Amino acid sequence: MKNATGIRQERLGKEAVDGRGIAEGVGQAGIGIIVLLAALIGVWGLACLVGGVMATGAGDLVRGFISSVAGG
């Protein structure tokens, strides 16, 4: 088993596999996915807000929000 690592490094070259580069790429992909999902959630929330204003009007929407927060 000790020799297997040496053989693999000879085949790939010592600089062919960079663990830090792979980790950085995976981290950037993760951040990108999180940002994309946050943007989708924001667009969904905005669409719901516009739908609420269109259905009931701004006054009723604000009144309903205040009553739900105040517990009335």
PDB file of N, CA and C in Angstrom:
ATOM      1  N   MET A   1       0.809  -1.196   0.000  1.00  0.00           N
ATOM      2  CA  MET A   1       0.000   0.000   0.000  1.00  0.00           C
ATOM      3  C   MET A   1       0.855   1.264   0.000  1.00  0.00           C
ATOM      4  N   LYS A   2       1.982   1.207   0.672  1.00  0.00           N
ATOM      5  CA  LYS A   2       2.837   2.391   0.697  1.00  0.00           C
ATOM      6  C   LYS A   2       3.330   2.729  -0.704  1.00  0.00           C
ATOM      7  N   ASN A   3       3.612   1.705  -1.480  1.00  0.00           N
ATOM      8  CA  ASN A   3       4.121   1.908  -2.816  1.00  0.00           C
ATOM      9  C   ASN A   3       3.031   2.390  -3.777  1.00  0.00           C
ATOM     10  N   ALA A   4       1.764   2.075  -3.504  1.00  0.00           N
ATOM     11  CA  ALA A   4       0.673   2.477  -4.388  1.00  0.00           C
ATOM     12  C   ALA A   4       0.567   3.991  -4.473  1.00  0.00           C
ATOM     13  N   THR A   5       0.773   4.690  -3.376  1.00  0.00           N
ATOM     14  CA  THR A   5       0.724   6.152  -3.385  1.00  0.00           C
ATOM     15  C   THR A   5       1.854   6.705  -4.235  1.00  0.00           C
ATOM     16  N   GLY A   6       3.014   6.117  -4.098  1.00  0.00           N
ATOM     17  CA  GLY A   6       4.144   6.572  -4.897  1.00  0.00           C
ATOM     18  C   GLY A   6       3.934   6.340  -6.378  1.00  0.00           C
ATOM     19  N   ILE A   7       3.340   5.194  -6.728  1.00  0.00           N
ATOM     20  CA  ILE A   7       3.075   4.893  -8.133  1.00  0.00           C
ATOM     21  C   ILE A   7       2.059   5.886  -8.700  1.00  0.00           C
ATOM     22  N   ARG A   8       1.026   6.196  -7.926  1.00  0.00           N
ATOM     23  CA  ARG A   8       0.006   7.135  -8.409  1.00  0.00           C
ATOM     24  C   ARG A   8       0.598   8.525  -8.602  1.00  0.00           C
ATOM     25  N   GLN A   9       1.468   8.957  -7.722  1.00  0.00           N
ATOM     26  CA  GLN A   9       2.099  10.265  -7.877  1.00  0.00           C
ATOM     27  C   GLN A   9       3.002  10.289  -9.094  1.00  0.00           C
ATOM     28  N   GLU A  10       3.640   9.169  -9.401  1.00  0.00           N
ATOM     29  CA  GLU A  10       4.478   9.115 -10.592  1.00  0.00           C
ATOM     30  C   GLU A  10       3.624   9.222 -11.846  1.00  0.00           C
ATOM     31  N   ARG A  11       2.476   8.564 -11.869  1.00  0.00           N
ATOM     32  CA  ARG A  11       1.607   8.604 -13.046  1.00  0.00           C
ATOM     33  C   ARG A  11       0.990   9.989 -13.244  1.00  0.00           C
ATOM     34  N   LEU A  12       0.509  10.578 -12.162  1.00  0.00           N
ATOM     35  CA  LEU A  12      -0.177  11.856 -12.266  1.00  0.00           C
ATOM     36  C   LEU A  12       0.776  13.037 -12.244  1.00  0.00           C
ATOM     37  N   GLY A  13       1.909  12.847 -11.698  1.00  0.00           N
ATOM     38  CA  GLY A  13       2.795  13.970 -11.467  1.00  0.00           C
ATOM     39  C   GLY A  13       2.445  14.571 -10.128  1.00  0.00           C
ATOM     40  N   LYS A  14       3.407  15.041  -9.436  1.00  0.00           N
ATOM     41  CA  LYS A  14       3.171  15.510  -8.071  1.00  0.00           C
ATOM     42  C   LYS A  14       2.249  16.734  -8.042  1.00  0.00           C
ATOM     43  N   GLU A  15       2.268  17.556  -9.071  1.00  0.00           N
ATOM     44  CA  GLU A  15       1.474  18.791  -9.079  1.00  0.00           C
ATOM     45  C   GLU A  15       0.134  18.614  -9.799  1.00  0.00           C
ATOM     46  N   ALA A  16      -0.168  17.422 -10.272  1.00  0.00           N
ATOM     47  CA  ALA A  16      -1.391  17.220 -11.045  1.00  0.00           C
ATOM     48  C   ALA A  16      -2.645  17.320 -10.181  1.00  0.00           C
ATOM     49  N   VAL A  17      -2.575  16.874  -8.938  1.00  0.00           N
ATOM     50  CA  VAL A  17      -3.742  16.888  -8.052  1.00  0.00           C
ATOM     51  C   VAL A  17      -3.464  17.876  -6.934  1.00  0.00           C
ATOM     52  N   ASP A  18      -4.245  18.947  -6.916  1.00  0.00           N
ATOM     53  CA  ASP A  18      -4.087  19.966  -5.883  1.00  0.00           C
ATOM     54  C   ASP A  18      -5.344  19.973  -5.027  1.00  0.00           C
ATOM     55  N   GLY A  19      -5.240  19.485  -3.803  1.00  0.00           N
ATOM     56  CA  GLY A  19      -6.397  19.399  -2.922  1.00  0.00           C
ATOM     57  C   GLY A  19      -6.975  20.752  -2.570  1.00  0.00           C
ATOM     58  N   ARG A  20      -6.129  21.753  -2.455  1.00  0.00           N
ATOM     59  CA  ARG A  20      -6.631  23.092  -2.110  1.00  0.00           C
ATOM     60  C   ARG A  20      -7.449  23.685  -3.249  1.00  0.00           C
ATOM     61  N   GLY A  21      -7.020  23.444  -4.474  1.00  0.00           N
ATOM     62  CA  GLY A  21      -7.779  23.945  -5.624  1.00  0.00           C
ATOM     63  C   GLY A  21      -9.144  23.295  -5.735  1.00  0.00           C
ATOM     64  N   ILE A  22      -9.169  21.995  -5.468  1.00  0.00           N
ATOM     65  CA  ILE A  22     -10.451  21.274  -5.505  1.00  0.00           C
ATOM     66  C   ILE A  22     -11.372  21.788  -4.407  1.00  0.00           C
ATOM     67  N   ALA A  23     -10.840  21.968  -3.207  1.00  0.00           N
ATOM     68  CA  ALA A  23     -11.647  22.454  -2.090  1.00  0.00           C
ATOM     69  C   ALA A  23     -12.166  23.863  -2.366  1.00  0.00           C
ATOM     70  N   GLU A  24     -11.340  24.689  -2.985  1.00  0.00           N
ATOM     71  CA  GLU A  24     -11.775  26.055  -3.304  1.00  0.00           C
ATOM     72  C   GLU A  24     -12.903  26.036  -4.336  1.00  0.00           C
ATOM     73  N   GLY A  25     -12.789  25.178  -5.335  1.00  0.00           N
ATOM     74  CA  GLY A  25     -13.840  25.068  -6.346  1.00  0.00           C
ATOM     75  C   GLY A  25     -15.144  24.564  -5.766  1.00  0.00           C
ATOM     76  N   VAL A  26     -15.066  23.586  -4.886  1.00  0.00           N
ATOM     77  CA  VAL A  26     -16.270  23.059  -4.241  1.00  0.00           C
ATOM     78  C   VAL A  26     -16.907  24.127  -3.361  1.00  0.00           C
ATOM     79  N   GLY A  27     -16.081  24.887  -2.664  1.00  0.00           N
ATOM     80  CA  GLY A  27     -16.604  25.969  -1.816  1.00  0.00           C
ATOM     81  C   GLY A  27     -17.300  27.038  -2.631  1.00  0.00           C
ATOM     82  N   GLN A  28     -16.701  27.409  -3.767  1.00  0.00           N
ATOM     83  CA  GLN A  28     -17.323  28.420  -4.624  1.00  0.00           C
ATOM     84  C   GLN A  28     -18.633  27.908  -5.210  1.00  0.00           C
ATOM     85  N   ALA A  29     -18.689  26.639  -5.560  1.00  0.00           N
ATOM     86  CA  ALA A  29     -19.935  26.070  -6.079  1.00  0.00           C
ATOM     87  C   ALA A  29     -21.010  26.079  -4.995  1.00  0.00           C
ATOM     88  N   GLY A  30     -20.635  25.759  -3.764  1.00  0.00           N
ATOM     89  CA  GLY A  30     -21.594  25.783  -2.658  1.00  0.00           C
ATOM     90  C   GLY A  30     -22.144  27.177  -2.411  1.00  0.00           C
ATOM     91  N   ILE A  31     -21.263  28.167  -2.426  1.00  0.00           N
ATOM     92  CA  ILE A  31     -21.704  29.561  -2.246  1.00  0.00           C
ATOM     93  C   ILE A  31     -22.640  29.959  -3.386  1.00  0.00           C
ATOM     94  N   GLY A  32     -22.312  29.558  -4.599  1.00  0.00           N
ATOM     95  CA  GLY A  32     -23.164  29.878  -5.748  1.00  0.00           C
ATOM     96  C   GLY A  32     -24.547  29.282  -5.616  1.00  0.00           C
ATOM     97  N   ILE A  33     -24.628  28.047  -5.153  1.00  0.00           N
ATOM     98  CA  ILE A  33     -25.930  27.395  -4.964  1.00  0.00           C
ATOM     99  C   ILE A  33     -26.734  28.110  -3.890  1.00  0.00           C
ATOM    100  N   ILE A  34     -26.078  28.500  -2.797  1.00  0.00           N
ATOM    101  CA  ILE A  34     -26.771  29.207  -1.715  1.00  0.00           C
ATOM    102  C   ILE A  34     -27.295  30.546  -2.202  1.00  0.00           C
ATOM    103  N   VAL A  35     -26.488  31.280  -2.964  1.00  0.00           N
ATOM    104  CA  VAL A  35     -26.922  32.587  -3.488  1.00  0.00           C
ATOM    105  C   VAL A  35     -28.089  32.405  -4.457  1.00  0.00           C
ATOM    106  N   LEU A  36     -28.018  31.398  -5.301  1.00  0.00           N
ATOM    107  CA  LEU A  36     -29.104  31.139  -6.244  1.00  0.00           C
ATOM    108  C   LEU A  36     -30.406  30.821  -5.523  1.00  0.00           C
ATOM    109  N   LEU A  37     -30.348  29.974  -4.496  1.00  0.00           N
ATOM    110  CA  LEU A  37     -31.555  29.642  -3.744  1.00  0.00           C
ATOM    111  C   LEU A  37     -32.098  30.852  -2.991  1.00  0.00           C
ATOM    112  N   ALA A  38     -31.209  31.686  -2.452  1.00  0.00           N
ATOM    113  CA  ALA A  38     -31.660  32.901  -1.768  1.00  0.00           C
ATOM    114  C   ALA A  38     -32.362  33.841  -2.739  1.00  0.00           C
ATOM    115  N   ALA A  39     -31.842  33.948  -3.949  1.00  0.00           N
ATOM    116  CA  ALA A  39     -32.488  34.795  -4.956  1.00  0.00           C
ATOM    117  C   ALA A  39     -33.854  34.247  -5.344  1.00  0.00           C
ATOM    118  N   LEU A  40     -33.964  32.939  -5.487  1.00  0.00           N
ATOM    119  CA  LEU A  40     -35.261  32.342  -5.812  1.00  0.00           C
ATOM    120  C   LEU A  40     -36.280  32.570  -4.696  1.00  0.00           C
ATOM    121  N   ILE A  41     -35.842  32.462  -3.456  1.00  0.00           N
ATOM    122  CA  ILE A  41     -36.739  32.710  -2.323  1.00  0.00           C
ATOM    123  C   ILE A  41     -37.180  34.169  -2.306  1.00  0.00           C
ATOM    124  N   GLY A  42     -36.262  35.085  -2.600  1.00  0.00           N
ATOM    125  CA  GLY A  42     -36.603  36.506  -2.651  1.00  0.00           C
ATOM    126  C   GLY A  42     -37.602  36.818  -3.749  1.00  0.00           C
ATOM    127  N   VAL A  43     -37.407  36.236  -4.915  1.00  0.00           N
ATOM    128  CA  VAL A  43     -38.350  36.452  -6.024  1.00  0.00           C
ATOM    129  C   VAL A  43     -39.722  35.870  -5.671  1.00  0.00           C
ATOM    130  N   TRP A  44     -39.734  34.713  -5.031  1.00  0.00           N
ATOM    131  CA  TRP A  44     -41.008  34.109  -4.619  1.00  0.00           C
ATOM    132  C   TRP A  44     -41.736  35.004  -3.608  1.00  0.00           C
ATOM    133  N   GLY A  45     -40.996  35.530  -2.642  1.00  0.00           N
ATOM    134  CA  GLY A  45     -41.594  36.429  -1.653  1.00  0.00           C
ATOM    135  C   GLY A  45     -42.147  37.692  -2.282  1.00  0.00           C
ATOM    136  N   LEU A  46     -41.412  38.254  -3.226  1.00  0.00           N
ATOM    137  CA  LEU A  46     -41.884  39.453  -3.920  1.00  0.00           C
ATOM    138  C   LEU A  46     -43.143  39.155  -4.732  1.00  0.00           C
ATOM    139  N   ALA A  47     -43.170  38.002  -5.371  1.00  0.00           N
ATOM    140  CA  ALA A  47     -44.356  37.618  -6.138  1.00  0.00           C
ATOM    141  C   ALA A  47     -45.569  37.453  -5.225  1.00  0.00           C
ATOM    142  N   CYS A  48     -45.355  36.880  -4.044  1.00  0.00           N
ATOM    143  CA  CYS A  48     -46.458  36.741  -3.082  1.00  0.00           C
ATOM    144  C   CYS A  48     -46.937  38.095  -2.593  1.00  0.00           C
ATOM    145  N   LEU A  49     -46.020  39.008  -2.340  1.00  0.00           N
ATOM    146  CA  LEU A  49     -46.386  40.355  -1.888  1.00  0.00           C
ATOM    147  C   LEU A  49     -47.193  41.082  -2.953  1.00  0.00           C
ATOM    148  N   VAL A  50     -46.754  41.012  -4.196  1.00  0.00           N
ATOM    149  CA  VAL A  50     -47.482  41.663  -5.286  1.00  0.00           C
ATOM    150  C   VAL A  50     -48.858  41.021  -5.457  1.00  0.00           C
ATOM    151  N   GLY A  51     -48.932  39.715  -5.336  1.00  0.00           N
ATOM    152  CA  GLY A  51     -50.224  39.039  -5.439  1.00  0.00           C
ATOM    153  C   GLY A  51     -51.175  39.450  -4.327  1.00  0.00           C
ATOM    154  N   GLY A  52     -50.643  39.611  -3.112  1.00  0.00           N
ATOM    155  CA  GLY A  52     -51.479  40.059  -1.995  1.00  0.00           C
ATOM    156  C   GLY A  52     -51.986  41.474  -2.189  1.00  0.00           C
ATOM    157  N   VAL A  53     -51.132  42.356  -2.690  1.00  0.00           N
ATOM    158  CA  VAL A  53     -51.552  43.739  -2.938  1.00  0.00           C
ATOM    159  C   VAL A  53     -52.587  43.775  -4.049  1.00  0.00           C
ATOM    160  N   MET A  54     -52.409  42.975  -5.074  1.00  0.00           N
ATOM    161  CA  MET A  54     -53.360  42.965  -6.187  1.00  0.00           C
ATOM    162  C   MET A  54     -54.714  42.401  -5.750  1.00  0.00           C
ATOM    163  N   ALA A  55     -54.705  41.427  -4.860  1.00  0.00           N
ATOM    164  CA  ALA A  55     -55.959  40.778  -4.462  1.00  0.00           C
ATOM    165  C   ALA A  55     -56.741  41.612  -3.452  1.00  0.00           C
ATOM    166  N   THR A  56     -56.064  42.209  -2.473  1.00  0.00           N
ATOM    167  CA  THR A  56     -56.790  42.880  -1.393  1.00  0.00           C
ATOM    168  C   THR A  56     -56.534  44.372  -1.312  1.00  0.00           C
ATOM    169  N   GLY A  57     -55.529  44.870  -1.953  1.00  0.00           N
ATOM    170  CA  GLY A  57     -55.191  46.283  -1.840  1.00  0.00           C
ATOM    171  C   GLY A  57     -54.152  46.476  -0.747  1.00  0.00           C
ATOM    172  N   ALA A  58     -53.434  47.566  -0.837  1.00  0.00           N
ATOM    173  CA  ALA A  58     -52.328  47.815   0.092  1.00  0.00           C
ATOM    174  C   ALA A  58     -52.828  48.057   1.513  1.00  0.00           C
ATOM    175  N   GLY A  59     -53.930  48.766   1.670  1.00  0.00           N
ATOM    176  CA  GLY A  59     -54.452  49.074   3.010  1.00  0.00           C
ATOM    177  C   GLY A  59     -54.839  47.820   3.772  1.00  0.00           C
ATOM    178  N   ASP A  60     -55.585  46.953   3.120  1.00  0.00           N
ATOM    179  CA  ASP A  60     -55.989  45.702   3.768  1.00  0.00           C
ATOM    180  C   ASP A  60     -54.790  44.807   4.067  1.00  0.00           C
ATOM    181  N   LEU A  61     -53.791  44.830   3.192  1.00  0.00           N
ATOM    182  CA  LEU A  61     -52.605  44.013   3.408  1.00  0.00           C
ATOM    183  C   LEU A  61     -51.838  44.494   4.639  1.00  0.00           C
ATOM    184  N   VAL A  62     -51.677  45.814   4.789  1.00  0.00           N
ATOM    185  CA  VAL A  62     -50.985  46.372   5.948  1.00  0.00           C
ATOM    186  C   VAL A  62     -51.807  46.119   7.214  1.00  0.00           C
ATOM    187  N   ARG A  63     -53.114  46.296   7.144  1.00  0.00           N
ATOM    188  CA  ARG A  63     -53.978  46.067   8.300  1.00  0.00           C
ATOM    189  C   ARG A  63     -53.911  44.596   8.750  1.00  0.00           C
ATOM    190  N   GLY A  64     -53.938  43.672   7.784  1.00  0.00           N
ATOM    191  CA  GLY A  64     -53.834  42.264   8.114  1.00  0.00           C
ATOM    192  C   GLY A  64     -52.482  41.903   8.708  1.00  0.00           C
ATOM    193  N   PHE A  65     -51.406  42.528   8.200  1.00  0.00           N
ATOM    194  CA  PHE A  65     -50.072  42.273   8.737  1.00  0.00           C
ATOM    195  C   PHE A  65     -49.967  42.755  10.175  1.00  0.00           C
ATOM    196  N   ILE A  66     -50.470  43.961  10.447  1.00  0.00           N
ATOM    197  CA  ILE A  66     -50.403  44.509  11.803  1.00  0.00           C
ATOM    198  C   ILE A  66     -51.231  43.666  12.755  1.00  0.00           C
ATOM    199  N   SER A  67     -52.407  43.260  12.336  1.00  0.00           N
ATOM    200  CA  SER A  67     -53.228  42.434  13.227  1.00  0.00           C
ATOM    201  C   SER A  67     -52.607  41.065  13.485  1.00  0.00           C
ATOM    202  N   SER A  68     -51.925  40.508  12.516  1.00  0.00           N
ATOM    203  CA  SER A  68     -51.287  39.205  12.726  1.00  0.00           C
ATOM    204  C   SER A  68     -50.064  39.330  13.638  1.00  0.00           C
ATOM    205  N   VAL A  69     -49.331  40.426  13.533  1.00  0.00           N
ATOM    206  CA  VAL A  69     -48.160  40.629  14.395  1.00  0.00           C
ATOM    207  C   VAL A  69     -48.607  40.968  15.816  1.00  0.00           C
ATOM    208  N   ALA A  70     -49.652  41.787  15.932  1.00  0.00           N
ATOM    209  CA  ALA A  70     -50.133  42.203  17.255  1.00  0.00           C
ATOM    210  C   ALA A  70     -50.968  41.118  17.928  1.00  0.00           C
ATOM    211  N   GLY A  71     -51.401  40.132  17.163  1.00  0.00           N
ATOM    212  CA  GLY A  71     -52.188  39.052  17.745  1.00  0.00           C
ATOM    213  C   GLY A  71     -53.669  39.352  17.816  1.00  0.00           C
ATOM    214  N   GLY A  72     -54.127  40.208  16.957  1.00  0.00           N
ATOM    215  CA  GLY A  72     -55.533  40.601  17.014  1.00  0.00           C
ATOM    216  C   GLY A  72     -56.296  39.942  15.976  1.00  0.00           C
TER     217      GLY A  72
END
